[in-house]
Amino acid sequence: MYKAFNTFIDDIFAFIITMPTAHRLACFRDDIVFVIYLYQRYLYPVDRTRVNEFGQSFEDEKEKKEESKKDK
C-alpha cells in the first residue's frame, strides 16, 4: 500500500513541479507497467479447471463441497 501511495504522489508532483522530461517519463514508467499488467490479467484469466502440481483443481474442490452439502 505504501508503494502505491508513493507512486500516486510522484505522479501528482510530476504534473505540478517543473522538471526535465526524462524524469517526468520515469515517474510514469511504473504506471505504464501496472496498466500493462492489468491488461494481461484481463486477457488471460486464471483457468480454474487446470490441474495443479498436486493433482487438484478449483472445480474439483467446488464439486466436493457441493456433494458434501447434498449428503447432509
N, C-alpha and C. Protein backbone atom coordinates (compact mmCIF):
# COMPACT_ATOMS: atom_id res chain seq x y z
N MET A 1 0.83 -1.19 0.00
CA MET A 1 0.00 0.00 0.00
C MET A 1 0.87 1.25 0.00
N TYR A 2 1.97 1.19 0.70
CA TYR A 2 2.88 2.34 0.77
C TYR A 2 3.42 2.68 -0.62
N LYS A 3 3.80 1.66 -1.38
CA LYS A 3 4.37 1.91 -2.71
C LYS A 3 3.31 2.48 -3.66
N ALA A 4 2.08 2.02 -3.55
CA ALA A 4 1.02 2.56 -4.39
C ALA A 4 0.78 4.04 -4.07
N PHE A 5 0.77 4.37 -2.79
CA PHE A 5 0.60 5.76 -2.37
C PHE A 5 1.78 6.61 -2.83
N ASN A 6 2.97 6.08 -2.70
CA ASN A 6 4.17 6.80 -3.12
C ASN A 6 4.15 7.06 -4.62
N THR A 7 3.72 6.09 -5.40
CA THR A 7 3.64 6.27 -6.85
C THR A 7 2.61 7.34 -7.21
N PHE A 8 1.49 7.35 -6.49
CA PHE A 8 0.46 8.36 -6.72
C PHE A 8 1.00 9.75 -6.44
N ILE A 9 1.73 9.91 -5.35
CA ILE A 9 2.33 11.20 -5.01
C ILE A 9 3.34 11.63 -6.06
N ASP A 10 4.15 10.69 -6.54
CA ASP A 10 5.12 11.00 -7.59
C ASP A 10 4.42 11.50 -8.86
N ASP A 11 3.30 10.89 -9.20
CA ASP A 11 2.57 11.30 -10.39
C ASP A 11 2.02 12.72 -10.25
N ILE A 12 1.52 13.03 -9.07
CA ILE A 12 0.99 14.38 -8.84
C ILE A 12 2.10 15.42 -8.97
N PHE A 13 3.24 15.15 -8.34
CA PHE A 13 4.34 16.11 -8.40
C PHE A 13 4.95 16.19 -9.79
N ALA A 14 4.85 15.13 -10.58
CA ALA A 14 5.36 15.18 -11.94
C ALA A 14 4.55 16.17 -12.78
N PHE A 15 3.28 16.34 -12.46
CA PHE A 15 2.47 17.33 -13.15
C PHE A 15 2.69 18.74 -12.62
N ILE A 16 2.88 18.87 -11.31
CA ILE A 16 2.93 20.20 -10.68
C ILE A 16 4.29 20.86 -10.83
N ILE A 17 5.35 20.14 -10.51
CA ILE A 17 6.69 20.72 -10.46
C ILE A 17 7.34 20.69 -11.85
N THR A 18 8.03 21.75 -12.17
CA THR A 18 8.77 21.75 -13.44
C THR A 18 10.03 20.91 -13.27
N MET A 19 10.19 19.98 -14.17
CA MET A 19 11.33 19.07 -14.11
C MET A 19 11.68 18.63 -15.53
N PRO A 20 12.85 18.02 -15.70
CA PRO A 20 13.21 17.55 -17.04
C PRO A 20 12.23 16.47 -17.53
N THR A 21 12.07 16.41 -18.82
CA THR A 21 11.12 15.47 -19.43
C THR A 21 11.50 14.02 -19.14
N ALA A 22 12.80 13.74 -19.11
CA ALA A 22 13.24 12.36 -18.85
C ALA A 22 12.81 11.90 -17.46
N HIS A 23 12.91 12.78 -16.48
CA HIS A 23 12.49 12.42 -15.12
C HIS A 23 10.97 12.28 -15.05
N ARG A 24 10.26 13.11 -15.76
CA ARG A 24 8.81 13.04 -15.78
C ARG A 24 8.36 11.70 -16.39
N LEU A 25 9.01 11.28 -17.45
CA LEU A 25 8.68 9.98 -18.06
C LEU A 25 9.03 8.83 -17.13
N ALA A 26 10.11 8.96 -16.38
CA ALA A 26 10.49 7.91 -15.43
C ALA A 26 9.44 7.76 -14.33
N CYS A 27 8.78 8.85 -13.95
CA CYS A 27 7.73 8.77 -12.94
C CYS A 27 6.53 7.99 -13.45
N PHE A 28 6.24 8.12 -14.73
CA PHE A 28 5.08 7.44 -15.31
C PHE A 28 5.37 6.01 -15.76
N ARG A 29 6.63 5.62 -15.74
CA ARG A 29 7.02 4.28 -16.18
C ARG A 29 6.34 3.20 -15.33
N ASP A 30 6.30 3.39 -14.03
CA ASP A 30 5.65 2.41 -13.16
C ASP A 30 4.16 2.28 -13.46
N ASP A 31 3.53 3.40 -13.78
CA ASP A 31 2.10 3.37 -14.10
C ASP A 31 1.85 2.60 -15.39
N ILE A 32 2.73 2.79 -16.35
CA ILE A 32 2.57 2.08 -17.63
C ILE A 32 2.73 0.58 -17.44
N VAL A 33 3.70 0.18 -16.65
CA VAL A 33 3.90 -1.25 -16.37
C VAL A 33 2.69 -1.82 -15.64
N PHE A 34 2.11 -1.09 -14.70
CA PHE A 34 0.94 -1.55 -13.97
C PHE A 34 -0.27 -1.69 -14.89
N VAL A 35 -0.46 -0.76 -15.80
CA VAL A 35 -1.58 -0.84 -16.74
C VAL A 35 -1.41 -2.05 -17.66
N ILE A 36 -0.19 -2.31 -18.10
CA ILE A 36 0.07 -3.50 -18.93
C ILE A 36 -0.23 -4.77 -18.14
N TYR A 37 0.15 -4.81 -16.87
CA TYR A 37 -0.15 -5.96 -16.02
C TYR A 37 -1.65 -6.18 -15.90
N LEU A 38 -2.41 -5.12 -15.66
CA LEU A 38 -3.86 -5.25 -15.54
C LEU A 38 -4.49 -5.71 -16.85
N TYR A 39 -3.98 -5.22 -17.96
CA TYR A 39 -4.50 -5.62 -19.27
C TYR A 39 -4.24 -7.10 -19.52
N GLN A 40 -3.06 -7.59 -19.15
CA GLN A 40 -2.76 -9.00 -19.33
C GLN A 40 -3.60 -9.87 -18.41
N ARG A 41 -3.87 -9.41 -17.20
CA ARG A 41 -4.76 -10.16 -16.30
C ARG A 41 -6.16 -10.26 -16.89
N TYR A 42 -6.59 -9.20 -17.59
CA TYR A 42 -7.90 -9.21 -18.23
C TYR A 42 -7.91 -10.16 -19.42
N LEU A 43 -6.84 -10.15 -20.21
CA LEU A 43 -6.78 -11.01 -21.40
C LEU A 43 -6.65 -12.49 -21.05
N TYR A 44 -5.87 -12.80 -20.04
CA TYR A 44 -5.57 -14.19 -19.69
C TYR A 44 -6.03 -14.50 -18.26
N PRO A 45 -7.32 -14.75 -18.06
CA PRO A 45 -7.80 -15.04 -16.71
C PRO A 45 -7.28 -16.40 -16.22
N VAL A 46 -7.40 -16.64 -14.94
CA VAL A 46 -6.94 -17.88 -14.34
C VAL A 46 -7.85 -19.03 -14.79
N ASP A 47 -7.25 -20.12 -15.26
CA ASP A 47 -8.01 -21.30 -15.68
C ASP A 47 -8.26 -22.15 -14.44
N ARG A 48 -9.48 -22.13 -13.94
CA ARG A 48 -9.81 -22.85 -12.71
C ARG A 48 -9.97 -24.35 -12.92
N THR A 49 -10.03 -24.80 -14.17
CA THR A 49 -10.14 -26.23 -14.44
C THR A 49 -8.77 -26.88 -14.57
N ARG A 50 -7.72 -26.09 -14.65
CA ARG A 50 -6.37 -26.63 -14.81
C ARG A 50 -5.91 -27.30 -13.52
N VAL A 51 -5.30 -28.45 -13.66
CA VAL A 51 -4.84 -29.22 -12.50
C VAL A 51 -3.48 -28.69 -12.07
N ASN A 52 -3.29 -28.49 -10.76
CA ASN A 52 -2.02 -28.00 -10.27
C ASN A 52 -1.05 -29.16 -10.02
N GLU A 53 0.10 -28.87 -9.41
CA GLU A 53 1.12 -29.90 -9.21
C GLU A 53 0.71 -30.97 -8.22
N PHE A 54 -0.36 -30.76 -7.46
CA PHE A 54 -0.84 -31.74 -6.50
C PHE A 54 -1.99 -32.57 -7.05
N GLY A 55 -2.36 -32.32 -8.31
CA GLY A 55 -3.44 -33.08 -8.93
C GLY A 55 -4.82 -32.59 -8.57
N GLN A 56 -4.91 -31.36 -8.09
CA GLN A 56 -6.20 -30.80 -7.70
C GLN A 56 -6.52 -29.61 -8.59
N SER A 57 -7.80 -29.36 -8.75
CA SER A 57 -8.24 -28.16 -9.46
C SER A 57 -9.31 -27.46 -8.64
N PHE A 58 -9.56 -26.22 -8.94
CA PHE A 58 -10.56 -25.44 -8.21
C PHE A 58 -11.95 -26.03 -8.43
N GLU A 59 -12.21 -26.50 -9.62
CA GLU A 59 -13.52 -27.08 -9.94
C GLU A 59 -13.76 -28.35 -9.13
N ASP A 60 -12.72 -29.18 -8.93
CA ASP A 60 -12.87 -30.41 -8.14
C ASP A 60 -13.25 -30.09 -6.70
N GLU A 61 -12.61 -29.09 -6.11
CA GLU A 61 -12.91 -28.71 -4.74
C GLU A 61 -14.34 -28.18 -4.62
N LYS A 62 -14.75 -27.44 -5.62
CA LYS A 62 -16.11 -26.89 -5.62
C LYS A 62 -17.15 -28.02 -5.69
N GLU A 63 -16.89 -29.03 -6.53
CA GLU A 63 -17.81 -30.16 -6.66
C GLU A 63 -17.86 -30.97 -5.36
N LYS A 64 -16.73 -31.16 -4.70
CA LYS A 64 -16.70 -31.91 -3.44
C LYS A 64 -17.52 -31.20 -2.37
N LYS A 65 -17.44 -29.87 -2.31
CA LYS A 65 -18.20 -29.12 -1.32
C LYS A 65 -19.69 -29.25 -1.61
N GLU A 66 -20.08 -29.20 -2.88
CA GLU A 66 -21.50 -29.33 -3.23
C GLU A 66 -22.03 -30.73 -2.89
N GLU A 67 -21.20 -31.76 -3.13
CA GLU A 67 -21.61 -33.13 -2.81
C GLU A 67 -21.75 -33.33 -1.31
N SER A 68 -20.85 -32.73 -0.53
CA SER A 68 -20.94 -32.89 0.92
C SER A 68 -22.17 -32.18 1.48
N LYS A 69 -22.57 -31.08 0.86
CA LYS A 69 -23.79 -30.39 1.29
C LYS A 69 -25.02 -31.20 0.96
N LYS A 70 -25.01 -31.90 -0.17
CA LYS A 70 -26.15 -32.71 -0.58
C LYS A 70 -26.30 -33.94 0.33
N ASP A 71 -25.18 -34.49 0.79
CA ASP A 71 -25.20 -35.68 1.66
C ASP A 71 -25.78 -35.36 3.03
N LYS A 72 -25.67 -34.15 3.48
CA LYS A 72 -26.14 -33.79 4.83
C LYS A 72 -27.59 -33.59 4.84
